[in-house]
């Protein structure tokens, strides 16, 4: 089973900007306990790599790195234990690094030109980002009608309610978002509340099948 096939099985990819490395393990354990053992940890804070490495220690959790913007970061996340990488955009250096390292990579796209550039670089699975700001489901539907051989993971501004509309598109293999990781519960270190939110997310996605 390829990593992309595995992600397709989850249908929802939690996207998390860790508040600190200290919350990595309990947050990861809440994801596993809630039935969604996967997470994309964004590189948006100074200690994100340390948090990513901590999450990689959680048994049963598949951890990827998000907001990967440079080839150097591609090397760093692989060393930290990331199973896949996601970027907000695609550059030649990112493509080269992903191919050289053999790290499953989902580049970000928002326009037809960017999608074609990704395909030309050897990627048939992309992140539609920022999804809502780029026209939402209607825009993505128009793109899938043209790029029939490309699979998409929309991310950016998506809620549990709007996620079902994206997942209804045949070429959407998963939806990325953070609604199942409520910040108030994380700040209160109420990991049971997080687990319940994750479980509700899983139940909602399962009801669509």
Protein backbone atom coordinates (compact mmCIF):
# COMPACT_ATOMS: atom_id res chain seq x y z
CA UNK A 1 0.00 0.00 0.00
CA UNK A 2 1.38 3.41 -0.95
CA UNK A 3 1.27 6.35 1.44
CA UNK A 4 -1.25 8.17 -0.77
CA UNK A 5 -3.50 5.11 -0.78
CA UNK A 6 -3.28 5.03 3.00
CA UNK A 7 -4.24 8.71 3.24
CA UNK A 8 -7.16 8.05 0.91
CA UNK A 9 -8.44 5.53 3.43
CA UNK A 10 -8.61 8.19 6.14
CA UNK A 11 -10.65 10.60 3.95
CA UNK A 12 -9.86 13.42 6.41
CA UNK A 13 -6.36 14.66 7.25
CA UNK A 14 -6.11 16.69 10.47
CA UNK A 15 -3.85 19.72 9.97
CA UNK A 16 -2.20 20.91 13.16
CA UNK A 17 0.01 23.83 14.13
CA UNK A 18 1.36 22.68 17.48
CA UNK A 19 1.29 25.18 20.33
CA UNK A 20 4.44 23.54 21.72
CA UNK A 21 6.23 20.19 21.50
CA UNK A 22 4.70 19.33 24.88
CA UNK A 23 1.23 18.89 23.41
CA UNK A 24 2.42 16.66 20.59
CA UNK A 25 2.12 13.33 22.37
CA UNK A 26 -1.27 13.84 24.11
CA UNK A 27 -2.73 15.37 20.95
CA UNK A 28 -1.45 12.48 18.86
CA UNK A 29 -2.85 9.98 21.34
CA UNK A 30 -6.24 11.72 21.19
CA UNK A 31 -6.23 11.36 17.40
CA UNK A 32 -5.48 7.64 17.63
CA UNK A 33 -8.08 7.10 20.35
CA UNK A 34 -10.66 9.05 18.36
CA UNK A 35 -10.21 6.80 15.35
CA UNK A 36 -8.28 9.13 13.03
CA UNK A 37 -4.61 8.09 13.39
CA UNK A 38 -3.07 10.57 10.97
CA UNK A 39 -1.92 14.18 11.18
CA UNK A 40 -0.16 16.83 9.15
CA UNK A 41 2.05 18.95 11.43
CA UNK A 42 2.71 22.37 9.90
CA UNK A 43 6.13 24.01 9.99
CA UNK A 44 4.77 27.38 11.12
CA UNK A 45 6.46 27.75 14.50
CA UNK A 46 10.13 27.78 15.57
CA UNK A 47 9.87 24.44 17.39
CA UNK A 48 7.63 22.69 14.85
CA UNK A 49 10.30 20.12 13.96
CA UNK A 50 10.69 19.15 17.60
CA UNK A 51 6.93 18.75 17.90
CA UNK A 52 6.84 16.70 14.70
CA UNK A 53 9.51 14.38 16.06
CA UNK A 54 7.53 13.92 19.29
CA UNK A 55 4.35 13.09 17.39
CA UNK A 56 6.24 10.49 15.39
CA UNK A 57 6.77 8.61 18.65
CA UNK A 58 3.03 8.06 19.19
CA UNK A 59 2.23 4.38 18.45
CA UNK A 60 -0.13 3.86 15.53
CA UNK A 61 -0.02 7.47 14.32
CA UNK A 62 0.93 8.36 10.74
CA UNK A 63 2.63 11.77 10.83
CA UNK A 64 3.28 14.05 7.90
CA UNK A 65 4.83 17.50 7.64
CA UNK A 66 2.94 20.48 6.25
CA UNK A 67 3.99 23.94 5.09
CA UNK A 68 7.21 22.46 3.71
CA UNK A 69 8.63 25.30 1.62
CA UNK A 70 12.30 24.48 1.00
CA UNK A 71 14.45 21.53 0.02
CA UNK A 72 16.25 21.86 3.35
CA UNK A 73 12.97 21.47 5.20
CA UNK A 74 12.23 18.39 3.10
CA UNK A 75 15.43 16.82 4.41
CA UNK A 76 14.70 17.94 7.98
CA UNK A 77 11.18 16.52 8.14
CA UNK A 78 12.36 13.18 6.77
CA UNK A 79 15.05 13.06 9.46
CA UNK A 80 12.42 13.93 12.08
CA UNK A 81 10.38 10.91 11.02
CA UNK A 82 7.71 12.34 8.72
CA UNK A 83 5.97 9.76 6.54
CA UNK A 84 4.88 12.32 3.95
CA UNK A 85 5.25 16.02 3.16
CA UNK A 86 2.80 18.68 2.01
CA UNK A 87 3.62 22.11 0.63
CA UNK A 88 1.57 25.27 0.02
CA UNK A 89 3.16 25.56 -3.44
CA UNK A 90 5.51 23.73 -5.79
CA UNK A 91 9.04 24.77 -6.76
CA UNK A 92 11.66 22.95 -8.81
CA UNK A 93 13.85 22.51 -5.73
CA UNK A 94 10.99 20.96 -3.73
CA UNK A 95 10.16 18.58 -6.56
CA UNK A 96 13.80 17.56 -6.94
CA UNK A 97 14.21 17.00 -3.20
CA UNK A 98 11.04 14.90 -2.94
CA UNK A 99 12.08 12.71 -5.85
CA UNK A 100 15.65 12.34 -4.56
CA UNK A 101 14.55 11.44 -1.04
CA UNK A 102 11.67 9.21 -2.08
CA UNK A 103 9.42 11.04 0.36
CA UNK A 104 5.72 10.97 -0.58
CA UNK A 105 4.94 14.58 -1.44
CA UNK A 106 1.70 16.48 -2.06
CA UNK A 107 2.40 19.91 -3.59
CA UNK A 108 0.00 22.80 -3.21
CA UNK A 109 -1.81 24.24 -6.23
CA UNK A 110 -4.54 26.81 -6.81
CA UNK A 111 -4.67 27.41 -10.57
CA UNK A 112 -4.73 25.38 -13.80
CA UNK A 113 -1.15 26.44 -14.55
CA UNK A 114 0.05 25.26 -11.15
CA UNK A 115 -1.74 21.93 -11.54
CA UNK A 116 -0.17 21.35 -14.95
CA UNK A 117 3.24 22.31 -13.55
CA UNK A 118 2.81 19.70 -10.81
CA UNK A 119 1.79 17.04 -13.35
CA UNK A 120 4.80 17.90 -15.53
CA UNK A 121 7.01 17.48 -12.45
CA UNK A 122 5.68 13.97 -11.89
CA UNK A 123 2.93 14.52 -9.33
CA UNK A 124 -0.64 13.36 -9.94
CA UNK A 125 -1.81 14.03 -6.37
CA UNK A 126 -1.98 17.66 -5.22
CA UNK A 127 -3.31 19.89 -2.47
CA UNK A 128 -5.91 22.48 -3.57
CA UNK A 129 -4.94 25.42 -1.36
CA UNK A 130 -6.29 27.71 -0.04
CA UNK A 131 -9.48 25.91 -0.96
CA UNK A 132 -12.21 28.25 0.22
CA UNK A 133 -10.34 31.42 -0.76
CA UNK A 134 -9.65 29.92 -4.20
CA UNK A 135 -13.30 29.41 -5.06
CA UNK A 136 -14.27 26.44 -2.95
CA UNK A 137 -16.12 23.38 -4.21
CA UNK A 138 -17.37 25.12 -7.35
CA UNK A 139 -13.84 26.03 -8.45
CA UNK A 140 -12.46 22.59 -7.65
CA UNK A 141 -15.27 20.92 -9.58
CA UNK A 142 -14.33 22.98 -12.66
CA UNK A 143 -10.68 21.97 -12.26
CA UNK A 144 -11.44 18.27 -11.87
CA UNK A 145 -13.49 18.40 -15.08
CA UNK A 146 -10.30 19.39 -16.93
CA UNK A 147 -7.61 17.54 -14.96
CA UNK A 148 -9.34 14.17 -14.96
CA UNK A 149 -6.13 12.27 -14.13
CA UNK A 150 -5.28 14.29 -11.00
CA UNK A 151 -6.40 13.64 -7.42
CA UNK A 152 -6.93 16.48 -4.98
CA UNK A 153 -6.74 17.15 -1.24
CA UNK A 154 -8.50 20.48 -0.62
CA UNK A 155 -7.26 22.34 2.46
CA UNK A 156 -7.82 25.83 3.80
CA UNK A 157 -10.93 27.23 5.47
CA UNK A 158 -12.81 23.92 5.34
CA UNK A 159 -15.28 22.98 8.09
CA UNK A 160 -16.93 19.71 8.98
CA UNK A 161 -20.05 20.83 7.12
CA UNK A 162 -18.26 21.90 3.93
CA UNK A 163 -15.95 18.87 3.98
CA UNK A 164 -18.75 16.59 2.79
CA UNK A 165 -19.27 18.73 -0.32
CA UNK A 166 -15.59 18.42 -1.23
CA UNK A 167 -15.53 14.68 -0.55
CA UNK A 168 -18.51 14.26 -2.87
CA UNK A 169 -16.18 15.03 -5.79
CA UNK A 170 -14.79 11.79 -7.23
CA UNK A 171 -11.21 13.07 -7.53
CA UNK A 172 -11.00 14.30 -3.94
CA UNK A 173 -9.19 11.56 -2.02
CA UNK A 174 -9.13 13.38 1.32
CA UNK A 175 -9.89 16.75 2.90
CA UNK A 176 -7.47 18.60 5.15
CA UNK A 177 -8.54 20.77 8.07
CA UNK A 178 -8.27 21.53 11.76
CA UNK A 179 -11.89 21.65 12.91
CA UNK A 180 -11.53 18.33 14.76
CA UNK A 181 -8.72 19.75 16.93
CA UNK A 182 -10.54 22.47 18.90
CA UNK A 183 -8.11 25.08 20.19
CA UNK A 184 -10.04 25.78 23.41
CA UNK A 185 -9.85 22.11 24.42
CA UNK A 186 -6.15 21.97 23.56
CA UNK A 187 -5.42 25.10 25.61
CA UNK A 188 -7.28 23.55 28.54
CA UNK A 189 -5.42 20.27 27.95
CA UNK A 190 -8.81 18.57 27.78
CA UNK A 191 -7.69 15.64 25.65
CA UNK A 192 -10.96 13.78 26.15
CA UNK A 193 -12.78 16.70 24.49
CA UNK A 194 -10.33 16.50 21.62
CA UNK A 195 -10.89 12.76 21.33
CA UNK A 196 -14.64 13.30 21.17
CA UNK A 197 -14.24 15.96 18.47
CA UNK A 198 -12.06 13.60 16.45
CA UNK A 199 -14.57 10.77 16.87
CA UNK A 200 -17.38 13.07 15.69
CA UNK A 201 -15.33 13.92 12.61
CA UNK A 202 -14.82 10.24 11.85
CA UNK A 203 -18.52 9.48 12.33
CA UNK A 204 -19.50 12.31 9.99
CA UNK A 205 -17.19 11.04 7.25
CA UNK A 206 -18.37 7.46 7.70
CA UNK A 207 -22.00 8.55 7.35
CA UNK A 208 -21.21 9.77 3.84
CA UNK A 209 -20.10 6.36 2.60
